[in-house]
Amino acid sequence: MTAKRRTLYTLIALISVFAVVRIIDEFKGAIIASVQVRATQSVASASPDQIALSWSDDPQTTQTVQWRTAPSVLDGWVQVRATLPGDASVTEVEAERSVMRDRLLRNDPVNHRYTAVLRGLTPGTSYQYRVGSKQRDLWSSWNEFATGPESAEDFSFLFLGDPQVDMKNWGALLRSAHERRPQAAFYLLAGDIVDNGTFRNLWDEYFQASQGVFDRRPAMAALGNHDYSSRWDPSMFLHFFPAPHNGPKALPEGHAYSFTYGNALFVVLDSNQEVRDQTPWLEQQLAQTKATWKFALFHHPVYSSKDNRDNEDVRDRWRPIFDQYHLDMALQGHDHAYLRTYPMRNDKRATADEGGVYYVVAVSGTKFYKQEPHDYAEIGFENTPTYQVIDIATNPNRLTYRAYDAQGNVKDEVILVKP
């Protein structure tokens, strides 16, 4: 072969390679454009929004506050004052700024996120707060929160199963729950907050739906499988739900944690992670507590509602611990149909006096699954979003659990009494 011919073949080969690469790039670009490139209907501005409360430390003396702005805002502050007669003094706390990116969000790819932890608060006290920028002199309206009680007293909290989709209707259910039970101290969420934890536009919809509630009451959440991304990374969830860093050492911070409110212990677990890595810590939490009432919150049910979704490892490792330390209720999601078991002990029906544990599976969004009959189910129904209200009384020690539909009708009720 002549040198001239070799050169010609080389040029043809290079042109072919470049053509193939260009076709692949165009094909990839088409896929990204049609599948992943997204837009949000809630674009950040200089004014603070997406204000949300949680606890990353003791509910008696701290409050964690978070919000969003556009990248043009470079400082964040919380102003807080107690609602005590004659006390109008305002304390300012500087927030930590972080950059939240979603490069496939074409109309709002970068936000600034601010998080502040208010410390040294007085237990059992109502406070007013607002967030904003001192440099820009832009502030939210004043909102209110209350710290946890110093000792046991009556309180209520709400539990919601998976929101996941249709945030407009979910937001209506949430606001209805808040209007009917405005005195509730906080909310628990069983995971699958959004349908894809990597898509910030879906989180924008969640924050828009929850405004007016979670800027007044803390929301504490467990991780669901949809809150993770395809890379097994729940970074957005962990950023949006700051939690106590007191979980098992085998897990990254924020995946599992516990907190005490009044005379109740709440243990939050990540059933997406290795169950065995959390079991010793779970046992320690339940063994050392002096709380009257004990709750566990996690995503994958011990006793499933939907057929062919058995979570054997969760049941085999955590159920014996729940039995041994007499957990009162396990609050779960994932199966998108309402189910409450009989009190269960050693995988059999029991009574609460015999140490039986109630297992609840609930859904608050509008994605539903068919429910199969199970001998452990005392009550179950399909196609109904619910919210659950748990009232804790101290004299006598009484737990009243009720599940409500969106219209406020009672769909289920359990009353437990302890000495």
Protein backbone atom coordinates (compact mmCIF):
# COMPACT_ATOMS: atom_id res chain seq x y z
CA MET A 1 0.00 0.00 0.00
CA THR A 2 1.37 3.38 -0.95
CA ALA A 3 1.88 6.14 1.60
CA LYS A 4 -0.72 8.23 -0.19
CA ARG A 5 -3.31 5.44 0.09
CA ARG A 6 -2.50 4.89 3.80
CA THR A 7 -3.00 8.59 4.45
CA LEU A 8 -6.36 8.49 2.66
CA TYR A 9 -7.55 5.51 4.72
CA THR A 10 -6.41 7.21 7.91
CA LEU A 11 -8.39 10.33 7.06
CA ILE A 12 -11.47 8.27 6.26
CA ALA A 13 -11.13 6.41 9.58
CA LEU A 14 -10.76 9.65 11.54
CA ILE A 15 -13.76 11.19 9.80
CA SER A 16 -15.78 8.07 10.62
CA VAL A 17 -14.76 8.19 14.30
CA PHE A 18 -15.64 11.88 14.57
CA ALA A 19 -18.99 11.22 12.90
CA VAL A 20 -19.80 8.38 15.30
CA VAL A 21 -18.78 10.49 18.33
CA ARG A 22 -20.94 13.34 17.10
CA ILE A 23 -23.91 11.01 16.61
CA ILE A 24 -23.42 9.58 20.11
CA ASP A 25 -23.17 13.08 21.60
CA GLU A 26 -26.29 14.18 19.78
CA PHE A 27 -28.10 11.03 20.91
CA LYS A 28 -27.03 11.59 24.51
CA GLY A 29 -28.06 15.21 24.26
CA ALA A 30 -31.47 14.19 22.95
CA ILE A 31 -31.92 11.77 25.84
CA ILE A 32 -30.91 14.39 28.40
CA ALA A 33 -33.13 17.00 26.76
CA SER A 34 -36.15 14.71 26.64
CA VAL A 35 -35.73 12.93 29.98
CA GLN A 36 -33.62 14.84 32.48
CA VAL A 37 -33.52 18.55 31.64
CA ARG A 38 -36.27 20.07 33.73
CA ALA A 39 -37.76 23.35 34.86
CA THR A 40 -39.08 24.45 38.21
CA GLN A 41 -42.28 26.42 38.70
CA SER A 42 -40.81 27.91 41.88
CA VAL A 43 -37.76 29.97 40.94
CA ALA A 44 -35.66 31.37 43.80
CA SER A 45 -35.50 35.12 44.30
CA ALA A 46 -33.71 37.51 46.63
CA SER A 47 -36.57 37.19 49.10
CA PRO A 48 -36.34 34.17 51.45
CA ASP A 49 -38.74 31.29 50.86
CA GLN A 50 -38.98 27.53 51.49
CA ILE A 51 -38.72 28.27 55.21
CA ALA A 52 -38.81 25.05 57.21
CA LEU A 53 -38.28 23.92 60.79
CA SER A 54 -36.67 20.76 62.11
CA TRP A 55 -34.60 19.66 65.09
CA SER A 56 -30.93 18.85 64.73
CA ASP A 57 -30.46 18.96 68.50
CA ASP A 58 -32.51 18.96 71.72
CA PRO A 59 -36.15 20.03 71.08
CA GLN A 60 -36.29 21.61 74.54
CA THR A 61 -33.61 24.24 73.96
CA THR A 62 -32.92 24.45 70.21
CA GLN A 63 -34.67 25.03 66.91
CA THR A 64 -33.23 24.51 63.43
CA VAL A 65 -34.43 26.91 60.72
CA GLN A 66 -33.76 26.62 56.99
CA TRP A 67 -34.64 28.67 53.90
CA ARG A 68 -33.69 29.43 50.29
CA THR A 69 -32.65 32.46 48.25
CA ALA A 70 -31.24 33.26 44.83
CA PRO A 71 -27.42 33.25 44.49
CA SER A 72 -27.35 37.04 44.58
CA VAL A 73 -27.98 36.94 48.35
CA LEU A 74 -24.75 36.37 50.25
CA ASP A 75 -25.82 36.51 53.90
CA GLY A 76 -28.54 34.94 56.02
CA TRP A 77 -29.82 35.75 59.49
CA VAL A 78 -32.56 34.66 61.87
CA GLN A 79 -34.12 37.20 64.20
CA VAL A 80 -35.91 35.58 67.16
CA ARG A 81 -37.87 36.88 70.14
CA ALA A 82 -39.81 35.22 72.91
CA THR A 83 -43.54 35.89 73.04
CA LEU A 84 -43.37 36.75 76.75
CA PRO A 85 -45.28 39.78 78.09
CA GLY A 86 -43.01 42.81 78.27
CA ASP A 87 -40.08 41.11 76.49
CA ALA A 88 -39.57 42.57 73.02
CA SER A 89 -35.82 41.92 72.79
CA VAL A 90 -34.63 40.39 69.52
CA THR A 91 -31.69 38.02 69.17
CA GLU A 92 -29.89 37.62 65.84
CA VAL A 93 -28.27 34.36 64.73
CA GLU A 94 -26.16 34.12 61.59
CA ALA A 95 -26.96 31.20 59.28
CA GLU A 96 -24.58 28.93 57.41
CA ARG A 97 -24.78 29.30 53.65
CA SER A 98 -24.48 26.38 51.24
CA VAL A 99 -24.85 26.19 47.46
CA MET A 100 -27.53 23.86 46.09
CA ARG A 101 -26.97 22.88 42.45
CA ASP A 102 -29.08 21.01 39.93
CA ARG A 103 -27.33 21.46 36.59
CA LEU A 104 -30.24 19.94 34.67
CA LEU A 105 -32.70 22.51 36.02
CA ARG A 106 -32.62 24.90 33.11
CA ASN A 107 -34.36 27.90 34.68
CA ASP A 108 -32.94 27.82 38.24
CA PRO A 109 -29.81 25.63 38.44
CA VAL A 110 -28.22 27.27 41.51
CA ASN A 111 -29.74 28.29 44.85
CA HIS A 112 -28.32 29.46 48.12
CA ARG A 113 -29.54 27.50 51.12
CA TYR A 114 -29.31 28.86 54.65
CA THR A 115 -29.41 26.86 57.88
CA ALA A 116 -29.32 28.25 61.41
CA VAL A 117 -29.55 26.47 64.75
CA LEU A 118 -31.07 28.59 67.51
CA ARG A 119 -29.61 27.53 70.87
CA GLY A 120 -30.10 28.43 74.51
CA LEU A 121 -33.86 28.60 74.20
CA THR A 122 -36.18 28.15 77.17
CA PRO A 123 -38.17 24.88 77.32
CA GLY A 124 -41.93 25.09 76.85
CA THR A 125 -41.78 28.60 75.39
CA SER A 126 -43.30 30.17 72.28
CA TYR A 127 -41.01 32.23 70.05
CA GLN A 128 -41.45 34.45 67.03
CA TYR A 129 -38.85 34.47 64.28
CA ARG A 130 -38.13 35.78 60.82
CA VAL A 131 -35.33 35.06 58.35
CA GLY A 132 -33.59 37.17 55.76
CA SER A 133 -30.60 39.23 54.66
CA LYS A 134 -29.21 42.17 56.59
CA GLN A 135 -27.16 43.30 53.59
CA ARG A 136 -30.21 43.39 51.33
CA ASP A 137 -32.68 44.29 54.10
CA LEU A 138 -35.06 41.60 52.85
CA TRP A 139 -37.00 39.65 55.48
CA SER A 140 -39.76 37.09 55.70
CA SER A 141 -42.86 37.71 57.76
CA TRP A 142 -42.75 36.75 61.42
CA ASN A 143 -43.62 33.12 62.16
CA GLU A 144 -43.93 31.25 65.43
CA PHE A 145 -42.59 28.04 66.96
CA ALA A 146 -42.51 26.50 70.43
CA THR A 147 -39.79 24.56 72.23
CA GLY A 148 -40.39 21.15 73.76
CA PRO A 149 -41.62 20.89 77.36
CA GLU A 150 -39.15 20.58 80.22
CA SER A 151 -41.09 17.69 81.77
CA ALA A 152 -43.92 15.39 80.80
CA GLU A 153 -47.10 17.16 79.71
CA ASP A 154 -49.93 16.59 77.25
CA PHE A 155 -49.02 17.01 73.58
CA SER A 156 -49.98 15.88 70.09
CA PHE A 157 -48.08 15.10 66.92
CA LEU A 158 -49.04 14.09 63.38
CA PHE A 159 -47.75 11.23 61.24
CA LEU A 160 -48.00 11.10 57.44
CA GLY A 161 -47.08 8.26 55.10
CA ASP A 162 -45.51 8.80 51.69
CA PRO A 163 -46.41 12.09 49.92
CA GLN A 164 -44.31 11.33 46.77
CA VAL A 165 -46.59 12.66 43.99
CA ASP A 166 -49.37 15.20 43.33
CA MET A 167 -48.11 17.84 45.75
CA LYS A 168 -51.10 20.09 45.12
CA ASN A 169 -53.52 17.60 46.65
CA TRP A 170 -51.01 16.55 49.30
CA GLY A 171 -50.61 20.19 50.33
CA ALA A 172 -54.38 20.50 50.68
CA LEU A 173 -54.43 17.45 52.97
CA LEU A 174 -51.54 18.86 55.02
CA ARG A 175 -53.20 22.25 55.45
CA SER A 176 -56.46 20.58 56.37
CA ALA A 177 -54.67 18.55 59.03
CA HIS A 178 -52.98 21.67 60.39
CA GLU A 179 -56.22 23.63 60.48
CA ARG A 180 -57.98 20.84 62.37
CA ARG A 181 -55.09 20.21 64.76
CA PRO A 182 -53.19 23.51 65.02
CA GLN A 183 -51.93 22.62 68.49
CA ALA A 184 -49.90 19.63 67.23
CA ALA A 185 -46.24 20.02 68.22
CA PHE A 186 -44.55 18.47 65.17
CA TYR A 187 -44.93 16.17 62.16
CA LEU A 188 -43.37 12.82 61.27
CA LEU A 189 -42.94 11.75 57.62
CA ALA A 190 -42.33 8.11 56.64
CA GLY A 191 -40.17 8.81 53.59
CA ASP A 192 -40.67 8.99 49.81
CA ILE A 193 -41.17 12.69 50.25
CA VAL A 194 -40.74 13.15 46.50
CA ASP A 195 -40.70 10.80 43.53
CA ASN A 196 -37.03 11.33 42.70
CA GLY A 197 -34.71 12.68 45.37
CA THR A 198 -32.24 14.00 42.77
CA PHE A 199 -34.72 16.38 41.09
CA ARG A 200 -34.75 19.70 42.91
CA ASN A 201 -37.84 20.87 41.04
CA LEU A 202 -39.79 18.12 42.86
CA TRP A 203 -38.43 19.36 46.19
CA ASP A 204 -39.53 22.86 45.16
CA GLU A 205 -43.06 21.52 44.76
CA TYR A 206 -42.87 19.89 48.20
CA PHE A 207 -41.73 23.10 49.90
CA GLN A 208 -44.38 25.12 48.12
CA ALA A 209 -47.07 22.65 49.26
CA SER A 210 -45.89 22.64 52.88
CA GLN A 211 -45.55 26.40 53.40
CA GLY A 212 -47.77 27.67 56.17
CA VAL A 213 -47.28 24.44 58.11
CA PHE A 214 -43.63 23.37 58.25
CA ASP A 215 -42.48 26.94 58.83
CA ARG A 216 -44.52 26.77 62.06
CA ARG A 217 -44.09 23.14 63.10
CA PRO A 218 -40.94 21.01 62.78
CA ALA A 219 -41.02 18.13 60.29
CA MET A 220 -38.88 15.07 61.09
CA ALA A 221 -38.53 12.46 58.35
CA ALA A 222 -37.25 8.97 57.61
CA LEU A 223 -35.53 8.19 54.33
CA GLY A 224 -37.58 6.42 51.66
CA ASN A 225 -36.21 4.64 48.63
CA HIS A 226 -37.41 7.43 46.30
CA ASP A 227 -35.53 10.02 48.36
CA TYR A 228 -32.32 8.42 47.15
CA SER A 229 -30.95 9.00 43.66
CA SER A 230 -29.85 6.41 41.13
CA ARG A 231 -26.36 6.79 42.58
CA TRP A 232 -27.64 5.72 46.00
CA ASP A 233 -27.17 9.22 47.30
CA PRO A 234 -29.80 11.03 49.42
CA SER A 235 -27.83 14.28 49.63
CA MET A 236 -30.77 16.59 48.91
CA PHE A 237 -32.93 14.88 51.54
CA LEU A 238 -30.15 15.13 54.12
CA HIS A 239 -29.72 18.81 53.31
CA PHE A 240 -33.43 19.58 53.53
CA PHE A 241 -34.00 17.62 56.77
CA PRO A 242 -31.22 18.49 59.23
CA ALA A 243 -31.39 15.87 61.99
CA PRO A 244 -29.58 15.05 65.23
CA HIS A 245 -26.15 13.47 64.71
CA ASN A 246 -26.72 10.77 67.31
CA GLY A 247 -27.35 7.76 65.06
CA PRO A 248 -25.41 4.52 64.59
CA LYS A 249 -21.74 5.00 63.74
CA ALA A 250 -22.01 2.53 60.83
CA LEU A 251 -24.28 4.94 58.91
CA PRO A 252 -23.58 8.42 57.56
CA GLU A 253 -24.92 11.22 59.74
CA GLY A 254 -28.60 12.02 59.35
CA HIS A 255 -29.68 8.59 58.07
CA ALA A 256 -30.85 7.41 61.50
CA TYR A 257 -31.33 9.40 64.69
CA SER A 258 -33.45 9.71 67.82
CA PHE A 259 -35.05 12.47 69.83
CA THR A 260 -37.18 12.76 72.94
CA TYR A 261 -40.20 15.02 73.24
CA GLY A 262 -42.04 15.16 76.55
CA ASN A 263 -42.42 11.59 77.79
CA ALA A 264 -41.99 9.98 74.36
CA LEU A 265 -38.95 8.59 72.53
CA PHE A 266 -38.79 8.66 68.72
CA VAL A 267 -36.28 6.40 66.95
CA VAL A 268 -35.89 7.11 63.23
CA LEU A 269 -34.28 4.38 61.10
CA ASP A 270 -33.12 4.08 57.48
CA SER A 271 -34.52 0.80 56.17
CA ASN A 272 -32.76 1.38 52.82
CA GLN A 273 -29.41 0.80 54.52
CA GLU A 274 -28.07 -2.38 56.12
CA VAL A 275 -30.59 -3.29 58.80
CA ARG A 276 -28.02 -5.16 60.89
CA ASP A 277 -25.81 -2.07 61.12
CA GLN A 278 -28.59 -0.21 62.95
CA THR A 279 -29.82 -3.02 65.20
CA PRO A 280 -27.35 -2.61 68.12
CA TRP A 281 -27.96 1.14 68.17
CA LEU A 282 -31.73 0.60 68.03
CA GLU A 283 -31.54 -1.75 71.01
CA GLN A 284 -29.42 0.75 72.92
CA GLN A 285 -31.95 3.54 72.31
CA LEU A 286 -34.88 1.48 73.54
CA ALA A 287 -32.97 -0.09 76.45
CA GLN A 288 -31.69 3.15 77.96
CA THR A 289 -34.77 5.35 77.62
CA LYS A 290 -36.99 6.23 80.55
CA ALA A 291 -39.74 7.50 78.25
CA THR A 292 -43.29 6.28 78.85
CA TRP A 293 -44.07 5.98 75.14
CA LYS A 294 -41.78 4.61 72.43
CA PHE A 295 -42.17 5.06 68.66
CA ALA A 296 -40.12 3.93 65.67
CA LEU A 297 -40.30 5.65 62.27
CA PHE A 298 -38.97 4.01 59.11
CA HIS A 299 -40.00 3.40 55.50
CA HIS A 300 -40.21 -0.34 54.70
CA PRO A 301 -42.91 -2.11 56.73
CA VAL A 302 -42.34 -4.98 59.14
CA TYR A 303 -45.76 -6.29 58.05
CA SER A 304 -46.49 -5.34 54.46
CA SER A 305 -49.76 -4.08 53.09
CA LYS A 306 -49.08 -4.78 49.41
CA ASP A 307 -48.56 -8.34 48.22
CA ASN A 308 -45.05 -9.50 47.21
CA ARG A 309 -43.30 -6.73 49.18
CA ASP A 310 -42.11 -8.65 52.22
CA ASN A 311 -39.25 -7.00 54.11
CA GLU A 312 -37.92 -10.09 55.82
CA ASP A 313 -34.65 -8.62 57.07
CA VAL A 314 -36.42 -5.67 58.71
CA ARG A 315 -38.85 -8.02 60.43
CA ASP A 316 -36.29 -10.62 61.51
CA ARG A 317 -33.83 -8.13 63.01
CA TRP A 318 -35.95 -5.26 64.34
CA ARG A 319 -39.16 -6.99 65.41
CA PRO A 320 -37.48 -8.94 68.28
CA ILE A 321 -36.02 -5.66 69.58
CA PHE A 322 -39.42 -3.99 69.38
CA ASP A 323 -40.93 -6.94 71.26
CA GLN A 324 -38.24 -7.03 73.94
CA TYR A 325 -38.52 -3.35 74.85
CA HIS A 326 -42.26 -3.01 74.20
CA LEU A 327 -42.30 -0.47 71.42
CA ASP A 328 -45.76 1.08 71.32
CA MET A 329 -46.01 1.87 67.60
CA ALA A 330 -43.97 1.46 64.43
CA LEU A 331 -44.91 4.13 61.87
CA GLN A 332 -44.14 3.16 58.25
CA GLY A 333 -44.90 3.89 54.59
CA HIS A 334 -43.85 2.41 51.23
CA ASP A 335 -46.94 0.26 50.52
CA HIS A 336 -49.41 3.05 49.60
CA ALA A 337 -52.49 1.56 51.23
CA TYR A 338 -53.56 1.99 54.85
CA LEU A 339 -52.95 -0.90 57.22
CA ARG A 340 -52.86 -1.22 61.00
CA THR A 341 -52.00 -4.52 62.56
CA TYR A 342 -53.35 -6.13 65.65
CA PRO A 343 -50.92 -5.78 68.53
CA MET A 344 -48.16 -8.19 67.45
CA ARG A 345 -45.60 -10.08 69.52
CA ASN A 346 -43.35 -12.92 68.34
CA ASP A 347 -45.08 -12.69 64.95
CA LYS A 348 -48.42 -13.51 66.52
CA ARG A 349 -51.48 -11.59 67.60
CA ALA A 350 -51.29 -10.44 71.21
CA THR A 351 -52.65 -7.62 73.34
CA ALA A 352 -50.98 -4.35 74.21
CA ASP A 353 -50.85 -5.49 77.84
CA GLU A 354 -48.91 -8.56 76.69
CA GLY A 355 -46.35 -6.34 74.99
CA GLY A 356 -47.95 -6.34 71.56
CA VAL A 357 -46.72 -3.71 69.11
CA TYR A 358 -48.97 -1.84 66.69
CA TYR A 359 -47.57 -1.51 63.16
CA VAL A 360 -49.05 1.23 60.94
CA VAL A 361 -48.59 1.61 57.18
CA ALA A 362 -49.99 4.84 55.75
CA VAL A 363 -49.98 6.98 52.60
CA SER A 364 -50.71 10.72 52.48
CA GLY A 365 -50.23 11.22 48.74
CA THR A 366 -52.36 10.03 45.83
CA LYS A 367 -50.22 7.16 44.54
CA PHE A 368 -52.03 3.98 45.61
CA TYR A 369 -51.37 0.24 45.56
CA LYS A 370 -53.74 -2.69 45.79
CA GLN A 371 -53.90 -4.21 49.26
CA GLU A 372 -53.89 -7.95 49.87
CA PRO A 373 -55.65 -9.54 52.88
CA HIS A 374 -53.35 -10.50 55.76
CA ASP A 375 -54.13 -12.26 59.02
CA TYR A 376 -52.10 -9.67 60.96
CA ALA A 377 -54.24 -6.75 59.69
CA GLU A 378 -56.90 -5.48 62.07
CA ILE A 379 -57.94 -2.78 59.63
CA GLY A 380 -56.93 -1.90 56.07
CA PHE A 381 -58.28 0.04 53.11
CA GLU A 382 -57.17 1.32 49.70
CA ASN A 383 -57.22 4.52 47.63
CA THR A 384 -57.44 6.85 50.63
CA PRO A 385 -54.81 9.37 51.68
CA THR A 386 -54.79 9.84 55.44
CA TYR A 387 -53.08 11.73 58.20
CA GLN A 388 -52.66 10.31 61.68
CA VAL A 389 -52.99 12.26 64.93
CA ILE A 390 -51.43 10.88 68.11
CA ASP A 391 -52.50 12.54 71.36
CA ILE A 392 -50.37 11.88 74.44
CA ALA A 393 -51.99 12.53 77.84
CA THR A 394 -50.11 12.37 81.12
CA ASN A 395 -52.80 12.01 83.78
CA PRO A 396 -53.53 9.21 83.27
CA ASN A 397 -50.90 8.06 80.75
CA ARG A 398 -53.03 7.65 77.66
CA LEU A 399 -52.19 7.42 73.96
CA THR A 400 -55.03 8.12 71.52
CA TYR A 401 -54.29 7.29 67.89
CA ARG A 402 -56.65 8.32 65.10
CA ALA A 403 -56.37 8.16 61.32
CA TYR A 404 -58.31 10.78 59.35
CA ASP A 405 -59.13 11.09 55.67
CA ALA A 406 -58.87 14.39 53.78
CA GLN A 407 -62.41 15.35 54.81
CA GLY A 408 -61.61 14.90 58.50
CA ASN A 409 -63.51 11.63 58.95
CA VAL A 410 -62.07 9.21 61.50
CA LYS A 411 -61.01 6.05 59.66
CA ASP A 412 -59.28 4.22 62.51
CA GLU A 413 -58.77 4.62 66.26
CA VAL A 414 -56.71 2.99 69.00
CA ILE A 415 -56.47 3.95 72.68
CA LEU A 416 -53.66 2.72 74.93
CA VAL A 417 -53.43 3.34 78.69
CA LYS A 418 -50.43 2.77 80.95
CA PRO A 419 -50.08 2.99 84.73
